[in-house]
Amino acid sequence: MIHLMGRDLVYLDNAATSLPKPESVVEAVKDALTRAGNPGRSGHFLSYQSMRDLFEAREAVARLVGADDSSRIVLTPNATFALNLAIKGVLKEGDHVVTSVMEHNSVLRPLSSLSERGVEVTYVEADHEGYVDPDDVIRAFRKNTKMVVLTHGSNVTGAVNDVASVGKATRERGILFLVDASQTAGVRHINVEEMGVDLLAAPGHKALFGPQGTGFLYVREGIRVEPLVEGGTGSRSEEPRHPEFYPDRLEAGTLNSVGFAGLVEGIAFVEGKGIENIYAHERELTSRLLESLRGERRIVVYGPGGTRDRLGVVLVNVKGADPGEVAMVLDEKHGIMVRAGLHCAPFAHRVLGTFPEGGVRISFSAMNTKEDADMAVRALLEIAREMGSDS
């Protein structure tokens, strides 16, 4: 529970953005904001310090994902920008791409746009828990398959996919592999080389506990990605063309050095706690919630039945009640923050049978407690008694 804006709140919307942030993140942002020069643009020490903030962010991200060269970490405003950069910067007319029905709109929408320009897209189905079978992905390969785009962990069901098996297959065939790690960066171990990943996108503001307005794209050496935006970088200003070297090739304009200073501390917080410990903690809270709701006829729980290979993300519905109304009651009456609706993943909800209303998503972080999970259970049971149906 947190006290915020005069209210005691149970924050369970961490799959959207994590809250609260560690105090070290808040202090780092405050400090950086008071001395933020324009990184890479000026010759004074404040500009150099902001450049240092960005460099430290790249180093921290590279360490987190197992990248040897931090210059291959492109800093972006969010994961959506990073995914668009990777997808639109690689795929051309005549290319074929394989993805899944569990993807976020940050993947589905750019692919839909490209499909109108001659890019072929295959959507691999998922099972009723939200898992994508690597063999189904491999069977979808064609001679002109250029890329596979796959979520590491579903933002709807919490199901964690076997990206390493897909990565092995793509690497053997020379197909590019883009992984959306929006829900797993900071919760699950990631090593881009071990997993055969060529491109990996993630936000800084979710399980990495950084500020909003931060994200990144890892680009393996030898992969050519065309920039989406060109302009000021502070480097090679005499040239009419955007720089070719990384990370400048895919960055333009003044970067959010203040936010990335906070991200450095967010990653340090995650490393201090230990990713495996964070994952175990979230699994414990998830198990506690699932066990407490098991057998309740008026509540439907979607996704994996257990906690193996899943995140601290649980989708539920109260039978006979609109998910938006349930979320509103949780907020206004119980002080519990969740997210209702389609969670920007409409195909996933079709798989679960929850389209078009969606569901109520409860998502834990390292900051949540057993009491938070118990309060959510008590509130849901009360709502089910008052608003739910047995049929």
Protein backbone atom coordinates (compact mmCIF):
# COMPACT_ATOMS: atom_id res chain seq x y z
CA MET A 1 0.00 0.00 0.00
CA ILE A 2 1.15 3.51 -0.76
CA HIS A 3 -0.08 6.88 0.46
CA LEU A 4 -0.53 9.25 -2.46
CA MET A 5 -2.58 12.39 -3.03
CA GLY A 6 -4.20 12.05 0.38
CA ARG A 7 -5.30 8.44 -0.19
CA ASP A 8 -4.09 5.01 0.85
CA LEU A 9 -3.80 3.09 -2.40
CA VAL A 10 -3.02 -0.45 -3.46
CA TYR A 11 -1.29 -0.06 -6.80
CA LEU A 12 -1.71 -3.15 -9.00
CA ASP A 13 -1.24 -1.64 -12.46
CA ASN A 14 2.48 -2.31 -12.82
CA ALA A 15 2.15 -3.86 -16.28
CA ALA A 16 1.19 -0.36 -17.46
CA THR A 17 3.83 1.49 -15.43
CA SER A 18 5.46 0.68 -12.11
CA LEU A 19 4.66 2.61 -8.94
CA PRO A 20 6.06 3.55 -6.53
CA LYS A 21 9.51 4.24 -7.91
CA PRO A 22 12.52 3.68 -5.64
CA GLU A 23 13.55 6.83 -3.83
CA SER A 24 16.96 6.62 -5.53
CA VAL A 25 15.21 7.05 -8.91
CA VAL A 26 13.32 10.09 -7.71
CA GLU A 27 16.48 11.68 -6.32
CA ALA A 28 18.45 10.95 -9.50
CA VAL A 29 15.79 12.65 -11.62
CA LYS A 30 15.73 15.67 -9.30
CA ASP A 31 19.50 15.96 -9.41
CA ALA A 32 19.72 15.59 -13.18
CA LEU A 33 16.95 18.12 -13.74
CA THR A 34 18.82 20.78 -11.78
CA ARG A 35 21.94 20.46 -13.97
CA ALA A 36 20.59 19.20 -17.31
CA GLY A 37 22.71 20.56 -20.13
CA ASN A 38 22.04 19.47 -23.70
CA PRO A 39 23.95 16.21 -24.15
CA GLY A 40 26.39 16.20 -27.05
CA ARG A 41 25.58 19.73 -28.17
CA SER A 42 27.79 21.98 -26.08
CA GLY A 43 31.35 22.00 -24.79
CA HIS A 44 30.69 22.91 -21.18
CA PHE A 45 30.74 20.56 -18.22
CA LEU A 46 26.94 20.47 -17.78
CA SER A 47 26.56 19.12 -21.30
CA TYR A 48 29.27 16.57 -20.58
CA GLN A 49 27.50 15.49 -17.41
CA SER A 50 24.26 14.89 -19.30
CA MET A 51 26.24 12.91 -21.88
CA ARG A 52 27.58 10.88 -18.99
CA ASP A 53 24.04 10.17 -17.80
CA LEU A 54 23.18 8.75 -21.22
CA PHE A 55 26.39 6.72 -21.38
CA GLU A 56 25.71 5.21 -17.97
CA ALA A 57 22.19 4.34 -19.07
CA ARG A 58 23.51 2.51 -22.14
CA GLU A 59 26.05 0.66 -20.01
CA ALA A 60 23.37 -0.37 -17.50
CA VAL A 61 21.01 -1.61 -20.23
CA ALA A 62 23.81 -3.48 -22.02
CA ARG A 63 24.70 -5.22 -18.75
CA LEU A 64 21.03 -6.06 -18.17
CA VAL A 65 20.49 -7.74 -21.57
CA GLY A 66 23.93 -9.30 -22.00
CA ALA A 67 25.14 -7.03 -24.81
CA ASP A 68 28.92 -6.69 -25.17
CA ASP A 69 28.88 -3.24 -26.77
CA SER A 70 26.78 -0.48 -25.17
CA SER A 71 26.88 1.57 -28.38
CA ARG A 72 24.37 -0.98 -29.75
CA ILE A 73 21.85 0.26 -27.18
CA VAL A 74 19.67 2.89 -28.84
CA LEU A 75 17.85 5.08 -26.31
CA THR A 76 14.22 5.77 -27.19
CA PRO A 77 11.20 7.49 -25.59
CA ASN A 78 9.47 4.14 -24.95
CA ALA A 79 9.15 0.54 -26.16
CA THR A 80 6.56 1.51 -28.77
CA PHE A 81 9.05 3.79 -30.51
CA ALA A 82 11.73 1.10 -30.28
CA LEU A 83 9.45 -1.54 -31.83
CA ASN A 84 8.40 0.79 -34.64
CA LEU A 85 12.03 1.64 -35.27
CA ALA A 86 13.00 -2.03 -35.56
CA ILE A 87 9.99 -3.08 -37.64
CA LYS A 88 9.78 -0.15 -40.04
CA GLY A 89 13.54 0.23 -40.21
CA VAL A 90 14.05 -3.32 -41.51
CA LEU A 91 11.02 -4.62 -43.40
CA LYS A 92 10.51 -3.78 -47.06
CA GLU A 93 8.00 -4.64 -49.77
CA GLY A 94 8.16 -8.35 -50.58
CA ASP A 95 9.42 -9.35 -47.11
CA HIS A 96 7.53 -11.83 -44.95
CA VAL A 97 7.28 -11.48 -41.18
CA VAL A 98 6.03 -13.96 -38.60
CA THR A 99 4.41 -12.75 -35.39
CA SER A 100 1.76 -13.95 -32.95
CA VAL A 101 -1.79 -13.12 -31.93
CA MET A 102 -0.53 -12.26 -28.42
CA GLU A 103 1.30 -9.12 -29.52
CA HIS A 104 0.71 -5.58 -28.31
CA ASN A 105 -0.58 -2.94 -30.71
CA SER A 106 2.95 -1.53 -30.74
CA VAL A 107 3.69 -4.54 -32.97
CA LEU A 108 0.30 -5.15 -34.57
CA ARG A 109 -0.25 -1.61 -35.81
CA PRO A 110 3.09 -1.02 -37.56
CA LEU A 111 2.78 -4.47 -39.14
CA SER A 112 -0.75 -3.67 -40.28
CA SER A 113 0.54 -0.45 -41.82
CA LEU A 114 3.35 -2.27 -43.60
CA SER A 115 0.98 -4.98 -44.88
CA GLU A 116 -0.65 -2.25 -46.96
CA ARG A 117 2.75 -1.60 -48.53
CA GLY A 118 3.57 -5.11 -49.66
CA VAL A 119 4.92 -6.76 -46.48
CA GLU A 120 3.38 -10.19 -45.85
CA VAL A 121 2.41 -10.95 -42.25
CA THR A 122 1.64 -14.34 -40.67
CA TYR A 123 -0.03 -14.38 -37.24
CA VAL A 124 0.73 -17.55 -35.29
CA GLU A 125 -2.03 -18.69 -32.93
CA ALA A 126 -1.62 -19.17 -29.17
CA ASP A 127 -3.17 -21.72 -26.83
CA HIS A 128 -5.94 -20.89 -24.36
CA GLU A 129 -3.38 -19.78 -21.74
CA GLY A 130 -1.64 -17.38 -24.08
CA TYR A 131 1.48 -19.41 -24.88
CA VAL A 132 2.90 -19.45 -28.40
CA ASP A 133 4.42 -22.79 -29.47
CA PRO A 134 7.91 -22.29 -30.98
CA ASP A 135 7.20 -25.11 -33.44
CA ASP A 136 4.20 -23.19 -34.77
CA VAL A 137 6.44 -20.18 -35.33
CA ILE A 138 9.02 -22.30 -37.15
CA ARG A 139 6.34 -23.93 -39.34
CA ALA A 140 5.29 -20.46 -40.49
CA PHE A 141 8.72 -19.71 -42.01
CA ARG A 142 8.89 -19.12 -45.76
CA LYS A 143 11.70 -18.53 -48.23
CA ASN A 144 11.15 -14.77 -47.98
CA THR A 145 10.77 -14.62 -44.19
CA LYS A 146 12.84 -11.65 -43.08
CA MET A 147 11.86 -11.31 -39.43
CA VAL A 148 10.10 -12.89 -36.47
CA VAL A 149 8.53 -10.56 -33.92
CA LEU A 150 7.50 -12.16 -30.63
CA THR A 151 6.57 -10.97 -27.17
CA HIS A 152 8.70 -12.45 -24.41
CA GLY A 153 5.87 -12.19 -21.89
CA SER A 154 2.20 -11.44 -22.51
CA ASN A 155 0.84 -8.22 -21.04
CA VAL A 156 -2.61 -9.87 -20.93
CA THR A 157 -2.09 -13.36 -19.48
CA GLY A 158 1.48 -13.16 -18.16
CA ALA A 159 2.48 -16.23 -20.20
CA VAL A 160 6.25 -16.26 -20.86
CA ASN A 161 7.23 -17.60 -24.28
CA ASP A 162 10.20 -19.81 -25.11
CA VAL A 163 12.10 -17.17 -27.08
CA ALA A 164 15.39 -19.09 -26.89
CA SER A 165 13.99 -21.92 -29.03
CA VAL A 166 12.70 -19.45 -31.57
CA GLY A 167 16.02 -17.60 -31.51
CA LYS A 168 17.94 -20.79 -32.20
CA ALA A 169 15.77 -21.51 -35.24
CA THR A 170 15.97 -17.98 -36.64
CA ARG A 171 19.73 -17.79 -36.17
CA GLU A 172 20.18 -21.10 -38.06
CA ARG A 173 18.14 -19.76 -40.97
CA GLY A 174 19.44 -16.20 -41.10
CA ILE A 175 16.08 -14.72 -40.11
CA LEU A 176 16.06 -11.64 -37.89
CA PHE A 177 14.51 -12.05 -34.45
CA LEU A 178 12.90 -9.08 -32.70
CA VAL A 179 11.77 -9.61 -29.11
CA ASP A 180 9.34 -7.38 -27.24
CA ALA A 181 10.60 -7.49 -23.65
CA SER A 182 8.21 -4.83 -22.35
CA GLN A 183 6.91 -7.06 -19.56
CA THR A 184 10.02 -9.11 -18.85
CA ALA A 185 12.95 -6.67 -18.68
CA GLY A 186 13.67 -6.49 -14.97
CA VAL A 187 11.71 -9.64 -14.06
CA ARG A 188 13.18 -12.43 -16.20
CA HIS A 189 16.79 -13.15 -17.13
CA ILE A 190 17.61 -11.84 -20.60
CA ASN A 191 20.77 -12.52 -22.56
CA VAL A 192 20.48 -11.56 -26.20
CA GLU A 193 23.36 -13.81 -27.31
CA GLU A 194 22.17 -16.89 -25.42
CA MET A 195 18.64 -16.37 -26.73
CA GLY A 196 19.63 -15.71 -30.34
CA VAL A 197 18.04 -12.27 -30.31
CA ASP A 198 18.96 -9.73 -32.99
CA LEU A 199 16.75 -6.86 -31.84
CA LEU A 200 15.19 -6.32 -28.43
CA ALA A 201 12.86 -3.54 -27.31
CA ALA A 202 11.78 -2.59 -23.80
CA PRO A 203 10.53 0.40 -21.79
CA GLY A 204 12.33 1.87 -18.82
CA HIS A 205 9.22 2.73 -16.83
CA LYS A 206 7.81 -0.71 -16.06
CA ALA A 207 9.76 -3.44 -14.25
CA LEU A 208 12.99 -1.44 -14.53
CA PHE A 209 11.43 1.27 -12.30
CA GLY A 210 12.67 4.15 -14.43
CA PRO A 211 10.70 7.27 -15.34
CA GLN A 212 8.18 7.40 -18.15
CA GLY A 213 9.67 8.66 -21.40
CA THR A 214 12.50 6.12 -21.36
CA GLY A 215 13.01 2.98 -23.42
CA PHE A 216 15.60 1.26 -25.59
CA LEU A 217 16.29 -0.88 -28.61
CA TYR A 218 19.20 -3.32 -28.74
CA VAL A 219 20.55 -3.85 -32.27
CA ARG A 220 23.01 -6.67 -32.84
CA GLU A 221 26.15 -5.71 -34.77
CA GLY A 222 25.77 -6.30 -38.49
CA ILE A 223 22.01 -5.62 -38.52
CA ARG A 224 21.03 -2.68 -40.70
CA VAL A 225 18.12 -0.62 -39.41
CA GLU A 226 17.03 2.51 -41.26
CA PRO A 227 16.34 5.51 -39.01
CA LEU A 228 12.78 6.72 -38.53
CA VAL A 229 13.84 10.23 -37.52
CA GLU A 230 16.83 12.23 -38.72
CA GLY A 231 18.26 15.53 -37.58
CA GLY A 232 20.37 16.87 -34.75
CA THR A 233 22.70 14.48 -32.98
CA GLY A 234 25.53 16.80 -32.04
CA SER A 235 27.86 14.63 -34.13
CA ARG A 236 29.02 15.07 -37.75
CA SER A 237 27.12 18.34 -37.97
CA GLU A 238 28.98 19.24 -41.17
CA GLU A 239 27.41 16.28 -43.00
CA PRO A 240 24.02 16.55 -44.79
CA ARG A 241 23.29 12.89 -44.04
CA HIS A 242 22.51 11.42 -40.66
CA PRO A 243 25.51 9.63 -39.07
CA GLU A 244 26.02 5.96 -39.89
CA PHE A 245 27.64 4.90 -36.62
CA TYR A 246 25.79 3.66 -33.52
CA PRO A 247 24.00 4.76 -31.49
CA ASP A 248 23.73 8.09 -33.37
CA ARG A 249 22.39 6.36 -36.49
CA LEU A 250 19.06 5.67 -34.80
CA GLU A 251 18.87 8.64 -32.45
CA ALA A 252 17.95 12.23 -33.31
CA GLY A 253 17.17 15.31 -31.28
CA THR A 254 17.77 15.97 -27.60
CA LEU A 255 17.44 12.79 -25.57
CA ASN A 256 15.76 12.58 -22.19
CA SER A 257 18.97 12.64 -20.16
CA VAL A 258 16.98 13.45 -17.00
CA GLY A 259 14.79 10.38 -17.37
CA PHE A 260 17.71 8.13 -18.27
CA ALA A 261 19.58 9.28 -15.17
CA GLY A 262 16.61 7.89 -13.27
CA LEU A 263 16.65 4.68 -15.30
CA VAL A 264 20.25 4.05 -14.25
CA GLU A 265 19.08 4.00 -10.64
CA GLY A 266 16.05 1.90 -11.51
CA ILE A 267 18.26 -0.78 -13.03
CA ALA A 268 20.59 -0.55 -10.03
CA PHE A 269 17.57 -1.19 -7.80
CA VAL A 270 16.64 -4.27 -9.83
CA GLU A 271 20.20 -5.57 -9.78
CA GLY A 272 20.42 -4.98 -6.04
CA LYS A 273 17.31 -7.02 -5.36
CA GLY A 274 18.22 -9.65 -7.94
CA ILE A 275 16.04 -10.50 -10.94
CA GLU A 276 15.48 -14.06 -9.76
CA ASN A 277 14.37 -12.79 -6.35
CA ILE A 278 11.97 -10.30 -7.95
CA TYR A 279 10.54 -13.03 -10.15
CA ALA A 280 10.10 -15.37 -7.17
CA HIS A 281 8.37 -12.61 -5.20
CA GLU A 282 5.93 -11.86 -8.01
CA ARG A 283 5.22 -15.57 -8.47
CA GLU A 284 4.43 -15.86 -4.76
CA LEU A 285 1.95 -13.00 -4.92
CA THR A 286 0.42 -14.38 -8.12
CA SER A 287 0.03 -17.84 -6.58
CA ARG A 288 -1.57 -16.31 -3.51
CA LEU A 289 -4.11 -14.48 -5.67
CA LEU A 290 -4.86 -17.47 -7.91
CA GLU A 291 -5.32 -19.87 -5.01
CA SER A 292 -7.65 -17.47 -3.22
CA LEU A 293 -9.86 -17.06 -6.29
CA ARG A 294 -9.88 -20.74 -7.23
CA GLY A 295 -13.37 -22.20 -7.05
CA GLU A 296 -15.16 -18.86 -6.98
CA ARG A 297 -17.93 -19.42 -9.56
CA ARG A 298 -18.64 -15.75 -10.13
CA ILE A 299 -15.05 -14.89 -11.07
CA VAL A 300 -13.33 -16.08 -14.24
CA VAL A 301 -9.52 -16.22 -14.23
CA TYR A 302 -7.76 -16.36 -17.61
CA GLY A 303 -4.27 -17.40 -18.63
CA PRO A 304 -1.92 -19.97 -17.08
CA GLY A 305 -3.39 -21.94 -14.22
CA GLY A 306 -0.07 -22.15 -12.38
CA THR A 307 2.89 -19.87 -11.85
CA ARG A 308 5.54 -21.67 -13.91
CA ASP A 309 6.70 -19.60 -16.88
CA ARG A 310 4.38 -16.74 -16.12
CA LEU A 311 4.64 -13.18 -14.89
CA GLY A 312 2.81 -11.40 -12.10
CA VAL A 313 -0.01 -10.50 -14.49
CA VAL A 314 -3.50 -11.90 -13.88
CA LEU A 315 -6.58 -11.25 -16.01
CA VAL A 316 -9.99 -11.73 -14.40
CA ASN A 317 -13.64 -10.95 -15.00
CA VAL A 318 -16.64 -10.91 -12.69
CA LYS A 319 -19.42 -12.81 -14.45
CA GLY A 320 -22.24 -10.53 -15.47
CA ALA A 321 -20.30 -7.34 -14.70
CA ASP A 322 -18.61 -4.96 -17.09
CA PRO A 323 -14.81 -4.99 -16.50
CA GLY A 324 -14.66 -1.20 -16.69
CA GLU A 325 -17.26 -0.93 -13.95
CA VAL A 326 -15.41 -3.47 -11.81
CA ALA A 327 -12.19 -1.49 -12.13
CA MET A 328 -14.03 1.71 -11.22
CA VAL A 329 -15.45 0.14 -8.05
CA LEU A 330 -12.01 -1.22 -7.13
CA ASP A 331 -10.63 2.30 -7.46
CA GLU A 332 -13.36 4.41 -5.90
CA LYS A 333 -14.52 2.09 -3.11
CA HIS A 334 -11.43 0.01 -2.32
CA GLY A 335 -8.52 2.22 -3.39
CA ILE A 336 -7.14 -0.53 -5.64
CA MET A 337 -5.61 0.55 -8.94
CA VAL A 338 -5.94 -1.92 -11.86
CA ARG A 339 -6.51 -1.67 -15.59
CA ALA A 340 -9.61 -2.78 -17.47
CA GLY A 341 -10.25 -3.20 -21.19
CA LEU A 342 -8.29 -4.69 -24.07
CA HIS A 343 -4.80 -3.66 -22.86
CA CYS A 344 -3.78 -2.70 -26.41
CA ALA A 345 -3.77 -6.39 -27.38
CA PRO A 346 -7.08 -7.10 -29.16
CA PHE A 347 -6.03 -10.37 -30.82
CA ALA A 348 -5.04 -11.79 -27.43
CA HIS A 349 -8.51 -11.10 -26.09
CA ARG A 350 -10.02 -12.89 -29.07
CA VAL A 351 -7.96 -15.94 -28.10
CA LEU A 352 -9.31 -15.75 -24.54
CA GLY A 353 -12.89 -15.04 -25.60
CA THR A 354 -12.92 -11.67 -23.85
CA PHE A 355 -13.25 -9.48 -26.92
CA PRO A 356 -14.56 -6.76 -27.16
CA GLU A 357 -15.11 -5.98 -23.47
CA GLY A 358 -11.71 -7.18 -22.32
CA GLY A 359 -10.94 -7.93 -18.71
CA VAL A 360 -9.63 -6.63 -15.40
CA ARG A 361 -5.85 -6.90 -15.21
CA ILE A 362 -4.03 -7.16 -11.89
CA SER A 363 -0.25 -6.81 -12.16
CA PHE A 364 2.34 -7.02 -9.39
CA SER A 365 5.82 -5.59 -8.97
CA ALA A 366 8.71 -5.97 -6.56
CA MET A 367 7.08 -3.24 -4.46
CA ASN A 368 3.85 -5.12 -3.75
CA THR A 369 3.15 -7.15 -0.62
CA LYS A 370 1.08 -10.15 0.40
CA GLU A 371 -1.38 -7.77 1.99
CA ASP A 372 -1.82 -6.02 -1.37
CA ALA A 373 -2.74 -9.34 -2.97
CA ASP A 374 -5.10 -10.22 -0.10
CA MET A 375 -6.85 -6.86 -0.31
CA ALA A 376 -7.40 -7.37 -4.02
CA VAL A 377 -8.92 -10.79 -3.36
CA ARG A 378 -11.27 -9.48 -0.66
CA ALA A 379 -12.40 -6.62 -2.88
CA LEU A 380 -13.01 -8.88 -5.88
CA LEU A 381 -15.00 -11.34 -3.79
CA GLU A 382 -17.14 -8.52 -2.43
CA ILE A 383 -17.73 -7.13 -5.92
CA ALA A 384 -18.60 -10.62 -7.18
CA ARG A 385 -21.21 -11.03 -4.43
CA GLU A 386 -22.75 -7.64 -5.17
CA MET A 387 -22.45 -7.45 -8.95
CA GLY A 388 -21.70 -10.96 -10.20
CA SER A 389 -23.67 -13.81 -11.60
CA ASP A 390 -23.40 -17.57 -11.04
CA SER A 391 -24.17 -18.37 -14.67
